[in-house]
Structures are given as structure tokens and as C-alpha cells.
C-alpha atoms as a PDB file:
ATOM      1  CA  MET A   1     -17.203  12.628  -5.023  1.00  0.00           C
ATOM      2  CA  ASN A   2     -15.581  11.120  -1.973  1.00  0.00           C
ATOM      3  CA  GLU A   3     -13.224  13.609  -0.316  1.00  0.00           C
ATOM      4  CA  ARG A   4     -10.741  10.915   0.710  1.00  0.00           C
ATOM      5  CA  LEU A   5     -10.624   9.614  -2.836  1.00  0.00           C
ATOM      6  CA  LEU A   6      -9.862  13.089  -4.183  1.00  0.00           C
ATOM      7  CA  ARG A   7      -7.075  13.506  -1.639  1.00  0.00           C
ATOM      8  CA  TYR A   8      -5.675  10.094  -2.548  1.00  0.00           C
ATOM      9  CA  TYR A   9      -5.602  11.079  -6.223  1.00  0.00           C
ATOM     10  CA  GLU A  10      -3.853  14.273  -5.211  1.00  0.00           C
ATOM     11  CA  GLU A  11      -1.289  12.362  -3.102  1.00  0.00           C
ATOM     12  CA  GLN A  12      -0.603  10.084  -6.075  1.00  0.00           C
ATOM     13  CA  GLY A  13       0.062  13.105  -8.285  1.00  0.00           C
ATOM     14  CA  LEU A  14      -2.993  12.415 -10.425  1.00  0.00           C
ATOM     15  CA  LEU A  15      -4.984  15.492  -9.482  1.00  0.00           C
ATOM     16  CA  ARG A  16      -3.730  19.010  -8.815  1.00  0.00           C
ATOM     17  CA  PRO A  17      -6.504  21.264  -7.542  1.00  0.00           C
ATOM     18  CA  THR A  18      -5.762  24.920  -6.945  1.00  0.00           C
ATOM     19  CA  ARG A  19      -5.679  26.234  -3.393  1.00  0.00           C
ATOM     20  CA  ARG A  20      -7.583  29.232  -2.134  1.00  0.00           C
ATOM     21  CA  ALA A  21      -5.952  31.737   0.194  1.00  0.00           C
ATOM     22  CA  ASN A  22      -7.532  29.916   3.138  1.00  0.00           C
ATOM     23  CA  GLY A  23      -5.947  26.628   2.024  1.00  0.00           C
ATOM     24  CA  TYR A  24      -9.145  25.007   0.779  1.00  0.00           C
ATOM     25  CA  ARG A  25      -8.913  23.051  -2.438  1.00  0.00           C
ATOM     26  CA  GLU A  26     -10.738  24.428  -5.423  1.00  0.00           C
ATOM     27  CA  TYR A  27     -11.793  21.992  -8.122  1.00  0.00           C
ATOM     28  CA  HIS A  28     -12.583  23.050 -11.668  1.00  0.00           C
ATOM     29  CA  GLU A  29     -14.447  21.345 -14.523  1.00  0.00           C
ATOM     30  CA  SER A  30     -11.144  20.042 -15.832  1.00  0.00           C
ATOM     31  CA  ASP A  31     -10.589  18.297 -12.469  1.00  0.00           C
ATOM     32  CA  VAL A  32     -13.982  16.617 -12.795  1.00  0.00           C
ATOM     33  CA  ALA A  33     -12.969  15.344 -16.239  1.00  0.00           C
ATOM     34  CA  THR A  34      -9.608  14.196 -14.886  1.00  0.00           C
ATOM     35  CA  VAL A  35     -11.312  12.197 -12.123  1.00  0.00           C
ATOM     36  CA  GLY A  36     -13.458  10.537 -14.791  1.00  0.00           C
ATOM     37  CA  HIS A  37     -10.324   9.620 -16.733  1.00  0.00           C
ATOM     38  CA  ILE A  38      -8.655   8.256 -13.601  1.00  0.00           C
ATOM     39  CA  ARG A  39     -11.676   6.139 -12.729  1.00  0.00           C
ATOM     40  CA  ALA A  40     -11.898   4.748 -16.281  1.00  0.00           C
ATOM     41  CA  LEU A  41      -8.203   3.813 -16.231  1.00  0.00           C
ATOM     42  CA  LEU A  42      -8.564   2.223 -12.790  1.00  0.00           C
ATOM     43  CA  ALA A  43     -11.554   0.247 -14.093  1.00  0.00           C
ATOM     44  CA  ALA A  44      -9.306  -0.991 -16.917  1.00  0.00           C
ATOM     45  CA  GLY A  45      -7.037  -2.466 -14.253  1.00  0.00           C
ATOM     46  CA  LEU A  46      -4.222   0.049 -14.424  1.00  0.00           C
ATOM     47  CA  PRO A  47      -2.395   0.864 -11.184  1.00  0.00           C
ATOM     48  CA  THR A  48      -2.058   4.515 -10.166  1.00  0.00           C
ATOM     49  CA  ALA A  49       1.698   4.446 -10.883  1.00  0.00           C
ATOM     50  CA  VAL A  50       0.967   3.717 -14.540  1.00  0.00           C
ATOM     51  CA  ILE A  51      -1.965   6.137 -14.634  1.00  0.00           C
ATOM     52  CA  THR A  52       0.366   8.894 -13.431  1.00  0.00           C
ATOM     53  CA  GLN A  53       2.569   8.262 -16.455  1.00  0.00           C
ATOM     54  CA  ILE A  54      -0.194   8.085 -19.076  1.00  0.00           C
ATOM     55  CA  LEU A  55      -3.000  10.317 -17.771  1.00  0.00           C
ATOM     56  CA  HIS A  56      -1.925  13.175 -20.002  1.00  0.00           C
ATOM     57  CA  CYS A  57      -2.290  10.833 -22.995  1.00  0.00           C
ATOM     58  CA  VAL A  58      -6.054  10.385 -22.734  1.00  0.00           C
ATOM     59  CA  HIS A  59      -9.125  12.533 -23.235  1.00  0.00           C
ATOM     60  CA  SER A  60     -12.829  11.882 -23.399  1.00  0.00           C
ATOM     61  CA  ASP A  61     -15.396  12.359 -26.119  1.00  0.00           C
ATOM     62  CA  GLY A  62     -18.099  12.461 -23.450  1.00  0.00           C
ATOM     63  CA  GLU A  63     -18.709   8.731 -23.283  1.00  0.00           C
ATOM     64  CA  GLN A  64     -15.483   6.976 -24.144  1.00  0.00           C
ATOM     65  CA  LEU A  65     -11.892   7.442 -23.093  1.00  0.00           C
ATOM     66  CA  LEU A  66      -9.729   8.106 -26.136  1.00  0.00           C
ATOM     67  CA  PRO A  67      -5.941   7.794 -26.317  1.00  0.00           C
ATOM     68  CA  ALA A  68      -3.840  10.550 -27.817  1.00  0.00           C
ATOM     69  CA  PRO A  69      -0.592   9.759 -29.608  1.00  0.00           C
ATOM     70  CA  CYS A  70       1.956   9.706 -26.810  1.00  0.00           C
ATOM     71  CA  PRO A  71       5.392   8.100 -26.684  1.00  0.00           C
ATOM     72  CA  GLY A  72       5.309   4.973 -24.560  1.00  0.00           C
ATOM     73  CA  LEU A  73       1.516   4.764 -24.242  1.00  0.00           C
ATOM     74  CA  ILE A  74       1.192   1.565 -26.261  1.00  0.00           C
ATOM     75  CA  ALA A  75       4.100  -0.044 -24.398  1.00  0.00           C
ATOM     76  CA  HIS A  76       2.484   0.789 -21.032  1.00  0.00           C
ATOM     77  CA  LEU A  77      -0.870  -0.594 -22.136  1.00  0.00           C
ATOM     78  CA  ARG A  78       0.650  -3.776 -23.562  1.00  0.00           C
ATOM     79  CA  ARG A  79       2.659  -4.356 -20.380  1.00  0.00           C
ATOM     80  CA  GLU A  80      -0.460  -3.967 -18.240  1.00  0.00           C
ATOM     81  CA  HIS A  81      -2.430  -6.225 -20.585  1.00  0.00           C
ATOM     82  CA  THR A  82       0.226  -8.924 -20.161  1.00  0.00           C
ATOM     83  CA  ARG A  83       0.192  -8.447 -16.367  1.00  0.00           C
ATOM     84  CA  ILE A  84      -3.594  -8.789 -16.253  1.00  0.00           C
ATOM     85  CA  ASP A  85      -3.479 -11.900 -18.462  1.00  0.00           C
ATOM     86  CA  ALA A  86      -0.956 -13.471 -16.083  1.00  0.00           C
ATOM     87  CA  THR A  87      -3.172 -12.620 -13.113  1.00  0.00           C
ATOM     88  CA  ILE A  88      -6.197 -14.164 -14.841  1.00  0.00           C
ATOM     89  CA  THR A  89      -4.229 -17.341 -15.548  1.00  0.00           C
ATOM     90  CA  GLN A  90      -3.130 -17.510 -11.930  1.00  0.00           C
ATOM     91  CA  LEU A  91      -6.690 -16.953 -10.692  1.00  0.00           C
ATOM     92  CA  GLN A  92      -8.020 -19.675 -13.009  1.00  0.00           C
ATOM     93  CA  ALA A  93      -5.475 -22.123 -11.596  1.00  0.00           C
ATOM     94  CA  SER A  94      -6.471 -21.118  -8.071  1.00  0.00           C
ATOM     95  CA  ARG A  95     -10.147 -21.592  -8.902  1.00  0.00           C
ATOM     96  CA  GLN A  96      -9.446 -25.037 -10.341  1.00  0.00           C
ATOM     97  CA  ALA A  97      -7.548 -26.048  -7.202  1.00  0.00           C
ATOM     98  CA  LEU A  98     -10.393 -24.722  -5.058  1.00  0.00           C
ATOM     99  CA  ASP A  99     -12.975 -26.554  -7.183  1.00  0.00           C
ATOM    100  CA  THR A 100     -11.055 -29.808  -6.697  1.00  0.00           C
ATOM    101  CA  LEU A 101     -10.776 -29.231  -2.948  1.00  0.00           C
ATOM    102  CA  LEU A 102     -14.455 -28.326  -2.696  1.00  0.00           C
ATOM    103  CA  ALA A 103     -15.546 -31.390  -4.695  1.00  0.00           C
ATOM    104  CA  THR A 104     -13.434 -33.617  -2.480  1.00  0.00           C
ATOM    105  CA  ALA A 105     -14.835 -32.035   0.675  1.00  0.00           C
ATOM    106  CA  GLN A 106     -18.409 -32.379  -0.576  1.00  0.00           C
ATOM    107  CA  GLY A 107     -17.795 -36.012  -1.501  1.00  0.00           C
ATOM    108  CA  GLN A 108     -16.493 -36.733   1.979  1.00  0.00           C
ATOM    109  CA  ALA A 109     -19.426 -34.897   3.581  1.00  0.00           C
ATOM    110  CA  THR A 110     -21.987 -37.009   1.721  1.00  0.00           C
ATOM    111  CA  ARG A 111     -20.257 -40.262   2.761  1.00  0.00           C
ATOM    112  CA  GLN A 112     -20.293 -39.403   6.469  1.00  0.00           C
ATOM    113  CA  PRO A 113     -23.175 -40.775   8.575  1.00  0.00           C
END
């Protein structure tokens, strides 16, 4: 695991490794599982601010991330789903505008001597 990534997760309040007397971080099996949960939630498009609020609401069955009944979890997930849908819509509009611009540019390029 990337050391900088682990420190970033720690800075975001997502990971809390214990410290040895010499100040070195000590990671346990539970930290490894937590990093897996964080990465799965990031892959789902959730920002770290949301992950901080819902991380305690998920666990893994070994392959799949499973939600636990937590107050506010569904509201957080619905809000992020709506945000991602809006982003997709915006990106589709951008792609359409780019497609139009590209088609116009290609048409002009083929007409030039």
C-alpha cells in the first residue's frame, strides 16, 4: 500500500493507526480491511468527506461491501447518486458539444486544399 495514500486517509480522519513509542505507525488487520472499504467507497464515486461520515456503516463479507443499518446512510447515498447523475448529464452535454466541434473541424479540414 502506498505510504502517502495511507497518510492521506489518516489526515482525512478515515484511518487511525496506533503509534509505537518511537512514533512509527502500526497498522493492524482491521486497518487493512478499512483501507479496502475506503477504496470501494471511493470507487463508487463518494468523496472522502462523505466516506468519513459513513465508513462505520459498512463492512465486508470478503468480496462485497455491505451496508449496516445506520441513520442517514441512505440519505447520503441518495444524495451522492443524484450528484453523480448530474455530473454524468453535464459530461454528456460536454461530449455532445465536443463531438459537434470535432465534426465541424474535420469537415473544414477535408475541404481545405
